[in-house]
Amino acid sequence: SLRDELDFLKPYVEIERTRLGERLNVTLDIAPDTLHGNVPHMILQPLVENAVRHAIAPRAAGGHILVSSRRSGDRLELEVVDDGSGKGDGRHGSGVGLSNTRARLETLYGSDFCFEAGPMPEGGFRAAISIPFRAAPVEEPAALRQEAIP
C-alpha cells in the first residue's frame, strides 16, 4: 500500500536529514483516500533520492522536497517535486533512477501508466506518476490471524 511505501521511505529521509540537517525539508501532502492504494515497492525512494542528490545536497542553503498523492477518478497520482534549479544539475528525466522507474512501471502496468520527469519552467524538478488505483489487500492484525500451531 502507499501507506507501507511511505513508512519505507521515512528511514531514508531520516538518514538524509541526519547528514544534511536543516538543509533538507520534506513535506508529505498525502490524500487520505490514497493510503490504501497499491503501489510498486520502492517507487518513491529513488525519486526522493534523486531530489536529495541533485537538488538539495549540492546547495549550501539546501531545499525542499514535496511528496504528494491524490486520486483522479480511477487513477492514483504521485508526485515528487523539489525546489532546485531544475537546470544544469544533470537531470533531464533520463538518469538511471528515472529510467529504472519508467521500466518498472512499464513492466507492471504495460501502457496503463504515465511517468513524466523533468525540470519545471519556474525552477525545480518534478517526477509524476499516474497508475490505476487498486486497493491494497487489507491484512488482518496478527492477533486475529488463524494459524496452525505445530
N, C-alpha and C. Protein backbone atom coordinates (compact mmCIF):
# COMPACT_ATOMS: atom_id res chain seq x y z
N SER A 1 0.84 -1.19 0.00
CA SER A 1 0.00 0.00 0.00
C SER A 1 0.88 1.25 0.00
N LEU A 2 0.29 2.37 -0.36
CA LEU A 2 1.01 3.63 -0.31
C LEU A 2 1.44 3.91 1.14
N ARG A 3 0.60 3.57 2.09
CA ARG A 3 0.98 3.77 3.50
C ARG A 3 2.27 3.02 3.81
N ASP A 4 2.37 1.76 3.37
CA ASP A 4 3.59 0.99 3.60
C ASP A 4 4.79 1.61 2.88
N GLU A 5 4.56 2.09 1.68
CA GLU A 5 5.63 2.72 0.90
C GLU A 5 6.14 3.97 1.61
N LEU A 6 5.24 4.75 2.17
CA LEU A 6 5.66 5.95 2.92
C LEU A 6 6.41 5.57 4.18
N ASP A 7 5.96 4.51 4.86
CA ASP A 7 6.68 4.03 6.04
C ASP A 7 8.08 3.56 5.66
N PHE A 8 8.22 2.97 4.48
CA PHE A 8 9.52 2.52 3.99
C PHE A 8 10.42 3.72 3.64
N LEU A 9 9.82 4.80 3.15
CA LEU A 9 10.55 6.00 2.74
C LEU A 9 11.11 6.77 3.94
N LYS A 10 10.40 6.75 5.05
CA LYS A 10 10.77 7.59 6.20
C LYS A 10 12.19 7.33 6.72
N PRO A 11 12.65 6.08 6.87
CA PRO A 11 14.02 5.90 7.34
C PRO A 11 15.07 6.51 6.40
N TYR A 12 14.85 6.42 5.10
CA TYR A 12 15.77 7.04 4.15
C TYR A 12 15.83 8.55 4.37
N VAL A 13 14.66 9.17 4.51
CA VAL A 13 14.61 10.62 4.74
C VAL A 13 15.30 10.97 6.06
N GLU A 14 15.11 10.18 7.08
CA GLU A 14 15.76 10.44 8.37
C GLU A 14 17.28 10.34 8.27
N ILE A 15 17.77 9.38 7.51
CA ILE A 15 19.22 9.26 7.30
C ILE A 15 19.75 10.51 6.60
N GLU A 16 19.05 10.93 5.57
CA GLU A 16 19.49 12.12 4.84
C GLU A 16 19.36 13.38 5.70
N ARG A 17 18.36 13.44 6.56
CA ARG A 17 18.23 14.58 7.48
C ARG A 17 19.39 14.62 8.47
N THR A 18 19.84 13.45 8.90
CA THR A 18 20.99 13.38 9.80
C THR A 18 22.23 13.93 9.08
N ARG A 19 22.35 13.59 7.83
CA ARG A 19 23.51 14.04 7.05
C ARG A 19 23.44 15.52 6.68
N LEU A 20 22.26 15.97 6.27
CA LEU A 20 22.11 17.33 5.74
C LEU A 20 21.55 18.32 6.76
N GLY A 21 21.03 17.82 7.86
CA GLY A 21 20.49 18.71 8.89
C GLY A 21 19.30 19.51 8.39
N GLU A 22 19.25 20.75 8.79
CA GLU A 22 18.12 21.62 8.44
C GLU A 22 18.10 22.01 6.97
N ARG A 23 19.14 21.61 6.24
CA ARG A 23 19.16 21.92 4.81
C ARG A 23 18.14 21.11 4.03
N LEU A 24 17.66 20.01 4.63
CA LEU A 24 16.69 19.14 3.95
C LEU A 24 15.32 19.28 4.61
N ASN A 25 14.37 19.72 3.83
CA ASN A 25 12.98 19.80 4.27
C ASN A 25 12.13 18.95 3.35
N VAL A 26 11.38 18.03 3.93
CA VAL A 26 10.50 17.15 3.15
C VAL A 26 9.09 17.31 3.69
N THR A 27 8.16 17.54 2.79
CA THR A 27 6.75 17.65 3.15
C THR A 27 5.99 16.55 2.45
N LEU A 28 5.12 15.89 3.20
CA LEU A 28 4.21 14.90 2.63
C LEU A 28 2.83 15.52 2.55
N ASP A 29 2.27 15.53 1.35
CA ASP A 29 0.90 16.01 1.13
C ASP A 29 0.13 14.83 0.55
N ILE A 30 -0.32 13.97 1.43
CA ILE A 30 -0.89 12.68 1.04
C ILE A 30 -2.40 12.69 1.29
N ALA A 31 -3.16 12.54 0.24
CA ALA A 31 -4.62 12.47 0.39
C ALA A 31 -4.98 11.18 1.13
N PRO A 32 -5.78 11.27 2.19
CA PRO A 32 -6.11 10.08 2.98
C PRO A 32 -6.71 8.93 2.16
N ASP A 33 -7.48 9.25 1.13
CA ASP A 33 -8.10 8.18 0.34
C ASP A 33 -7.13 7.46 -0.59
N THR A 34 -5.85 7.86 -0.56
CA THR A 34 -4.85 7.18 -1.38
C THR A 34 -3.99 6.21 -0.57
N LEU A 35 -4.05 6.30 0.74
CA LEU A 35 -3.15 5.50 1.58
C LEU A 35 -3.32 4.00 1.40
N HIS A 36 -4.52 3.54 1.04
CA HIS A 36 -4.74 2.11 0.85
C HIS A 36 -4.57 1.69 -0.61
N GLY A 37 -4.08 2.60 -1.44
CA GLY A 37 -3.83 2.27 -2.83
C GLY A 37 -2.57 1.43 -2.99
N ASN A 38 -2.61 0.50 -3.91
CA ASN A 38 -1.49 -0.37 -4.20
C ASN A 38 -0.46 0.37 -5.04
N VAL A 39 0.80 0.34 -4.63
CA VAL A 39 1.88 0.95 -5.39
C VAL A 39 3.05 -0.03 -5.45
N PRO A 40 3.88 0.07 -6.47
CA PRO A 40 5.06 -0.78 -6.51
C PRO A 40 6.00 -0.45 -5.35
N HIS A 41 6.59 -1.48 -4.76
CA HIS A 41 7.53 -1.28 -3.66
C HIS A 41 8.73 -0.48 -4.15
N MET A 42 9.17 0.45 -3.36
CA MET A 42 10.32 1.32 -3.65
C MET A 42 10.11 2.16 -4.90
N ILE A 43 8.92 2.64 -5.11
CA ILE A 43 8.68 3.51 -6.25
C ILE A 43 9.01 4.97 -5.91
N LEU A 44 8.84 5.36 -4.66
CA LEU A 44 9.09 6.75 -4.27
C LEU A 44 10.54 7.01 -3.88
N GLN A 45 11.18 6.06 -3.23
CA GLN A 45 12.52 6.28 -2.70
C GLN A 45 13.53 6.72 -3.75
N PRO A 46 13.60 6.09 -4.93
CA PRO A 46 14.57 6.57 -5.93
C PRO A 46 14.28 7.99 -6.40
N LEU A 47 13.02 8.37 -6.43
CA LEU A 47 12.68 9.73 -6.86
C LEU A 47 13.09 10.75 -5.81
N VAL A 48 12.86 10.42 -4.54
CA VAL A 48 13.29 11.31 -3.46
C VAL A 48 14.81 11.34 -3.40
N GLU A 49 15.45 10.20 -3.59
CA GLU A 49 16.91 10.15 -3.60
C GLU A 49 17.49 11.04 -4.69
N ASN A 50 16.90 11.01 -5.88
CA ASN A 50 17.36 11.90 -6.96
C ASN A 50 17.23 13.36 -6.55
N ALA A 51 16.12 13.71 -5.92
CA ALA A 51 15.92 15.10 -5.50
C ALA A 51 16.96 15.50 -4.45
N VAL A 52 17.23 14.61 -3.51
CA VAL A 52 18.24 14.91 -2.49
C VAL A 52 19.60 15.08 -3.15
N ARG A 53 19.96 14.13 -3.98
CA ARG A 53 21.30 14.11 -4.58
C ARG A 53 21.54 15.29 -5.52
N HIS A 54 20.55 15.62 -6.35
CA HIS A 54 20.77 16.61 -7.40
C HIS A 54 20.28 18.01 -7.08
N ALA A 55 19.32 18.14 -6.17
CA ALA A 55 18.75 19.47 -5.91
C ALA A 55 19.07 20.00 -4.53
N ILE A 56 19.15 19.14 -3.54
CA ILE A 56 19.30 19.62 -2.16
C ILE A 56 20.76 19.60 -1.72
N ALA A 57 21.42 18.45 -1.80
CA ALA A 57 22.78 18.28 -1.29
C ALA A 57 23.79 19.28 -1.88
N PRO A 58 23.74 19.58 -3.18
CA PRO A 58 24.76 20.48 -3.73
C PRO A 58 24.61 21.94 -3.30
N ARG A 59 23.46 22.31 -2.77
CA ARG A 59 23.21 23.72 -2.44
C ARG A 59 23.51 24.00 -0.97
N ALA A 60 24.24 25.06 -0.73
CA ALA A 60 24.57 25.44 0.65
C ALA A 60 23.31 25.69 1.46
N ALA A 61 22.31 26.26 0.83
CA ALA A 61 21.06 26.57 1.53
C ALA A 61 20.13 25.38 1.64
N GLY A 62 20.46 24.28 0.94
CA GLY A 62 19.57 23.12 0.95
C GLY A 62 18.32 23.39 0.15
N GLY A 63 17.22 22.76 0.56
CA GLY A 63 15.99 22.98 -0.18
C GLY A 63 14.85 22.13 0.33
N HIS A 64 13.83 22.06 -0.48
CA HIS A 64 12.57 21.44 -0.07
C HIS A 64 12.15 20.40 -1.11
N ILE A 65 11.60 19.29 -0.59
CA ILE A 65 11.03 18.25 -1.45
C ILE A 65 9.60 18.04 -1.01
N LEU A 66 8.70 18.00 -1.96
CA LEU A 66 7.28 17.73 -1.70
C LEU A 66 6.93 16.38 -2.32
N VAL A 67 6.39 15.48 -1.51
CA VAL A 67 5.89 14.20 -1.97
C VAL A 67 4.38 14.26 -1.80
N SER A 68 3.65 14.06 -2.89
CA SER A 68 2.19 14.18 -2.79
C SER A 68 1.50 13.02 -3.49
N SER A 69 0.25 12.81 -3.07
CA SER A 69 -0.60 11.80 -3.72
C SER A 69 -2.01 12.32 -3.76
N ARG A 70 -2.73 11.88 -4.79
CA ARG A 70 -4.16 12.21 -4.90
C ARG A 70 -4.80 11.20 -5.85
N ARG A 71 -6.10 11.11 -5.74
CA ARG A 71 -6.85 10.30 -6.69
C ARG A 71 -7.48 11.22 -7.70
N SER A 72 -7.51 10.74 -8.92
CA SER A 72 -8.19 11.44 -10.00
C SER A 72 -8.99 10.38 -10.74
N GLY A 73 -10.27 10.27 -10.39
CA GLY A 73 -11.10 9.22 -10.96
C GLY A 73 -10.58 7.87 -10.53
N ASP A 74 -10.27 7.03 -11.49
CA ASP A 74 -9.76 5.69 -11.17
C ASP A 74 -8.24 5.63 -11.21
N ARG A 75 -7.59 6.78 -11.08
CA ARG A 75 -6.12 6.87 -11.14
C ARG A 75 -5.55 7.30 -9.80
N LEU A 76 -4.36 6.80 -9.50
CA LEU A 76 -3.57 7.25 -8.36
C LEU A 76 -2.43 8.08 -8.92
N GLU A 77 -2.31 9.29 -8.44
CA GLU A 77 -1.28 10.19 -8.94
C GLU A 77 -0.31 10.51 -7.82
N LEU A 78 0.96 10.28 -8.10
CA LEU A 78 2.05 10.52 -7.16
C LEU A 78 3.00 11.54 -7.76
N GLU A 79 3.53 12.43 -6.91
CA GLU A 79 4.49 13.42 -7.39
C GLU A 79 5.61 13.58 -6.37
N VAL A 80 6.80 13.79 -6.89
CA VAL A 80 7.94 14.21 -6.10
C VAL A 80 8.48 15.46 -6.78
N VAL A 81 8.45 16.58 -6.05
CA VAL A 81 8.85 17.87 -6.61
C VAL A 81 9.91 18.48 -5.70
N ASP A 82 10.98 19.00 -6.29
CA ASP A 82 11.97 19.70 -5.49
C ASP A 82 12.06 21.15 -5.96
N ASP A 83 12.72 21.97 -5.15
CA ASP A 83 12.84 23.38 -5.49
C ASP A 83 14.26 23.74 -5.93
N GLY A 84 14.97 22.77 -6.47
CA GLY A 84 16.29 23.05 -7.02
C GLY A 84 16.19 23.91 -8.27
N SER A 85 17.30 24.11 -8.92
CA SER A 85 17.30 24.96 -10.11
C SER A 85 16.56 24.30 -11.26
N GLY A 86 16.58 22.95 -11.29
CA GLY A 86 15.95 22.24 -12.39
C GLY A 86 16.76 22.31 -13.66
N LYS A 87 17.80 23.14 -13.65
CA LYS A 87 18.66 23.32 -14.82
C LYS A 87 20.11 23.13 -14.40
N GLY A 88 20.88 22.57 -15.28
CA GLY A 88 22.30 22.48 -15.03
C GLY A 88 22.68 21.50 -13.94
N ASP A 89 21.74 20.69 -13.49
CA ASP A 89 22.09 19.73 -12.44
C ASP A 89 22.19 18.32 -13.00
N GLY A 90 22.21 18.20 -14.34
CA GLY A 90 22.41 16.90 -14.96
C GLY A 90 21.15 16.07 -15.09
N ARG A 91 20.02 16.57 -14.63
CA ARG A 91 18.80 15.76 -14.69
C ARG A 91 17.93 16.27 -15.82
N HIS A 92 17.62 15.37 -16.70
CA HIS A 92 16.74 15.72 -17.81
C HIS A 92 15.65 14.67 -17.97
N GLY A 93 15.43 13.89 -16.92
CA GLY A 93 14.38 12.87 -16.97
C GLY A 93 14.83 11.54 -17.53
N SER A 94 16.15 11.36 -17.69
CA SER A 94 16.60 10.10 -18.29
C SER A 94 17.73 9.44 -17.52
N GLY A 95 17.95 9.82 -16.26
CA GLY A 95 19.00 9.19 -15.46
C GLY A 95 18.65 7.74 -15.14
N VAL A 96 19.60 7.04 -14.51
CA VAL A 96 19.41 5.63 -14.20
C VAL A 96 18.19 5.41 -13.32
N GLY A 97 18.06 6.18 -12.23
CA GLY A 97 16.92 6.02 -11.33
C GLY A 97 15.60 6.26 -12.04
N LEU A 98 15.56 7.29 -12.87
CA LEU A 98 14.33 7.61 -13.59
C LEU A 98 14.05 6.57 -14.68
N SER A 99 15.09 6.12 -15.36
CA SER A 99 14.91 5.08 -16.39
C SER A 99 14.42 3.78 -15.76
N ASN A 100 14.99 3.42 -14.61
CA ASN A 100 14.56 2.21 -13.92
C ASN A 100 13.11 2.33 -13.45
N THR A 101 12.74 3.50 -12.98
CA THR A 101 11.35 3.72 -12.55
C THR A 101 10.40 3.54 -13.72
N ARG A 102 10.74 4.14 -14.85
CA ARG A 102 9.90 4.01 -16.05
C ARG A 102 9.80 2.55 -16.49
N ALA A 103 10.91 1.83 -16.49
CA ALA A 103 10.91 0.42 -16.91
C ALA A 103 10.07 -0.44 -15.96
N ARG A 104 10.17 -0.19 -14.66
CA ARG A 104 9.36 -0.95 -13.70
C ARG A 104 7.88 -0.70 -13.92
N LEU A 105 7.52 0.56 -14.13
CA LEU A 105 6.10 0.88 -14.36
C LEU A 105 5.60 0.22 -15.63
N GLU A 106 6.41 0.22 -16.66
CA GLU A 106 6.01 -0.42 -17.92
C GLU A 106 5.83 -1.92 -17.74
N THR A 107 6.73 -2.55 -16.98
CA THR A 107 6.60 -3.99 -16.72
C THR A 107 5.33 -4.29 -15.95
N LEU A 108 5.01 -3.46 -14.96
CA LEU A 108 3.85 -3.71 -14.10
C LEU A 108 2.52 -3.31 -14.72
N TYR A 109 2.52 -2.23 -15.51
CA TYR A 109 1.25 -1.67 -15.99
C TYR A 109 1.10 -1.65 -17.51
N GLY A 110 2.10 -2.14 -18.23
CA GLY A 110 2.02 -2.09 -19.69
C GLY A 110 1.94 -0.65 -20.15
N SER A 111 0.91 -0.32 -20.89
CA SER A 111 0.75 1.06 -21.35
C SER A 111 -0.20 1.86 -20.46
N ASP A 112 -0.66 1.26 -19.36
CA ASP A 112 -1.64 1.91 -18.49
C ASP A 112 -0.98 2.68 -17.35
N PHE A 113 0.00 3.49 -17.68
CA PHE A 113 0.64 4.36 -16.71
C PHE A 113 1.15 5.60 -17.44
N CYS A 114 1.43 6.61 -16.66
CA CYS A 114 2.08 7.81 -17.19
C CYS A 114 3.20 8.16 -16.23
N PHE A 115 4.38 8.43 -16.76
CA PHE A 115 5.51 8.85 -15.96
C PHE A 115 6.17 10.01 -16.66
N GLU A 116 6.16 11.14 -15.99
CA GLU A 116 6.79 12.34 -16.52
C GLU A 116 7.84 12.81 -15.54
N ALA A 117 9.00 13.18 -16.03
CA ALA A 117 10.06 13.69 -15.18
C ALA A 117 10.84 14.73 -15.94
N GLY A 118 11.03 15.86 -15.30
CA GLY A 118 11.82 16.90 -15.94
C GLY A 118 11.77 18.20 -15.19
N PRO A 119 12.61 19.14 -15.63
CA PRO A 119 12.64 20.45 -14.99
C PRO A 119 11.33 21.20 -15.22
N MET A 120 10.97 22.01 -14.25
CA MET A 120 9.76 22.83 -14.37
C MET A 120 10.15 24.22 -14.84
N PRO A 121 9.29 24.90 -15.59
CA PRO A 121 9.63 26.23 -16.11
C PRO A 121 9.99 27.23 -15.02
N GLU A 122 9.33 27.13 -13.88
CA GLU A 122 9.57 28.08 -12.79
C GLU A 122 10.74 27.68 -11.89
N GLY A 123 11.43 26.59 -12.25
CA GLY A 123 12.54 26.07 -11.45
C GLY A 123 12.12 24.83 -10.71
N GLY A 124 13.09 24.06 -10.32
CA GLY A 124 12.80 22.81 -9.64
C GLY A 124 12.63 21.67 -10.63
N PHE A 125 12.39 20.50 -10.09
CA PHE A 125 12.27 19.29 -10.89
C PHE A 125 11.06 18.53 -10.40
N ARG A 126 10.31 17.93 -11.33
CA ARG A 126 9.08 17.22 -10.99
C ARG A 126 9.11 15.84 -11.61
N ALA A 127 8.81 14.84 -10.78
CA ALA A 127 8.60 13.47 -11.26
C ALA A 127 7.17 13.12 -10.89
N ALA A 128 6.36 12.74 -11.87
CA ALA A 128 4.94 12.46 -11.64
C ALA A 128 4.59 11.11 -12.22
N ILE A 129 3.83 10.35 -11.43
CA ILE A 129 3.39 9.00 -11.83
C ILE A 129 1.88 8.96 -11.75
N SER A 130 1.27 8.38 -12.76
CA SER A 130 -0.17 8.11 -12.74
C SER A 130 -0.35 6.63 -13.08
N ILE A 131 -0.99 5.91 -12.14
CA ILE A 131 -1.24 4.47 -12.32
C ILE A 131 -2.69 4.19 -11.97
N PRO A 132 -3.20 3.04 -12.39
CA PRO A 132 -4.57 2.70 -12.00
C PRO A 132 -4.65 2.57 -10.48
N PHE A 133 -5.74 3.09 -9.91
CA PHE A 133 -5.93 2.94 -8.47
C PHE A 133 -6.47 1.54 -8.21
N ARG A 134 -5.74 0.80 -7.42
CA ARG A 134 -6.17 -0.53 -6.98
C ARG A 134 -5.97 -0.58 -5.48
N ALA A 135 -7.02 -0.94 -4.77
CA ALA A 135 -6.91 -1.02 -3.31
C ALA A 135 -6.02 -2.18 -2.92
N ALA A 136 -5.10 -1.92 -2.01
CA ALA A 136 -4.23 -2.98 -1.49
C ALA A 136 -5.05 -3.90 -0.59
N PRO A 137 -4.71 -5.17 -0.55
CA PRO A 137 -5.42 -6.08 0.35
C PRO A 137 -5.24 -5.63 1.79
N VAL A 138 -6.29 -5.73 2.55
CA VAL A 138 -6.24 -5.36 3.96
C VAL A 138 -5.83 -6.60 4.74
N GLU A 139 -4.73 -6.48 5.47
CA GLU A 139 -4.27 -7.61 6.28
C GLU A 139 -4.92 -7.56 7.64
N GLU A 140 -5.25 -8.74 8.13
CA GLU A 140 -5.77 -8.83 9.48
C GLU A 140 -4.63 -8.60 10.45
N PRO A 141 -4.90 -7.97 11.59
CA PRO A 141 -3.85 -7.86 12.60
C PRO A 141 -3.37 -9.25 13.00
N ALA A 142 -2.11 -9.35 13.35
CA ALA A 142 -1.51 -10.65 13.67
C ALA A 142 -2.31 -11.40 14.73
N ALA A 143 -2.86 -10.70 15.69
CA ALA A 143 -3.59 -11.36 16.78
C ALA A 143 -4.87 -12.03 16.28
N LEU A 144 -5.39 -11.60 15.13
CA LEU A 144 -6.63 -12.15 14.63
C LEU A 144 -6.44 -13.24 13.58
N ARG A 145 -5.22 -13.43 13.10
CA ARG A 145 -4.98 -14.43 12.08
C ARG A 145 -5.11 -15.81 12.67
N GLN A 146 -5.66 -16.69 11.86
CA GLN A 146 -5.73 -18.08 12.29
C GLN A 146 -4.56 -18.82 11.68
N GLU A 147 -3.76 -19.39 12.51
CA GLU A 147 -2.60 -20.12 12.04
C GLU A 147 -2.55 -21.47 12.75
N ALA A 148 -2.04 -22.44 12.03
CA ALA A 148 -1.90 -23.77 12.61
C ALA A 148 -0.79 -23.74 13.66
N ILE A 149 -1.02 -24.39 14.76
CA ILE A 149 0.00 -24.49 15.79
C ILE A 149 0.67 -25.84 15.65
N PRO A 150 2.00 -25.85 15.45
CA PRO A 150 2.70 -27.12 15.26
C PRO A 150 2.65 -28.00 16.50
